[in-house]
Amino acid sequence: MDSASSQAEFDYLFKLLMIGDSGVGKSSLLLCFTVDTFEELSPTIGVDFKVKYVTLDGKNLKLAIWDTAGQERFRTLTSSYYRGAQGIIMVYDVTRRETFTNLSEVWAREVDLYSTNQDCIKMLVGNKVDKEGERVVTKKEGLDFAREYGCLFIECSAKTRINVQNCFEELVLKILDTPSLLAEGSKGLKKNIFKDKPPQADASTSSCC
């Protein structure tokens, strides 16, 4: 996935949403993908937001990626950000069992409740595989969950950059392969999907998961 040569021209605009418990590494994954760096970040307050221009499968794409806070007190604030998302990235920490358990108990339910695109592509991401010695959630458990909930699945590490590019690339390729989402992405050029952007969600800010 290469950066698009011209940021002014793009074929499709896709909205991606990152969800999951606080501390699983959502913001670190986003930072790694957008600016190719790793930082230990403090928890996101509300919603953070970044834009990435890429060229994939011969198409110039603008990705608007929303990074939501994992803490329960921000849930009502973030529910509106599901609207119009073509891709949803559900992140858990392979070293923390509760972050995996909460996928079915909290996050999958939120997707069902708030997602407005019936064909929205979901990507399950097991983060922090660099801590293999501390792993408590097996890869098979992740695969089983992904099959049950109809998600793509990948394990990665924001710290070592393992599979981070692949995570976003596979998700976007699947969106490109879904006609209804492609039509939405094309319409996105004519509408302002940033209208819900809160004052603190500045594209230049970096905060954590």
Foldseek 3Di string as FASTA:
>chain_A
DAADPDPVDFQFEAEEEEAFAWPLWQLLLVCCQAVNDGDDFAFDDAKAWAWGWGADPNGTYIYIYIYGGRDPVNVVSCLQVLELHQEYEYEGEQLDPVRVVCCVVPVLVSCVVRHDDPNRAYEYEHEDCVVVVRGDHDPVNQVVVCVVSVHHYDYYYSHVGGCSNVRVRVNVVVLVVDVVSSVSRNCCVVDPSCPSPDPVRDNPDGGTD
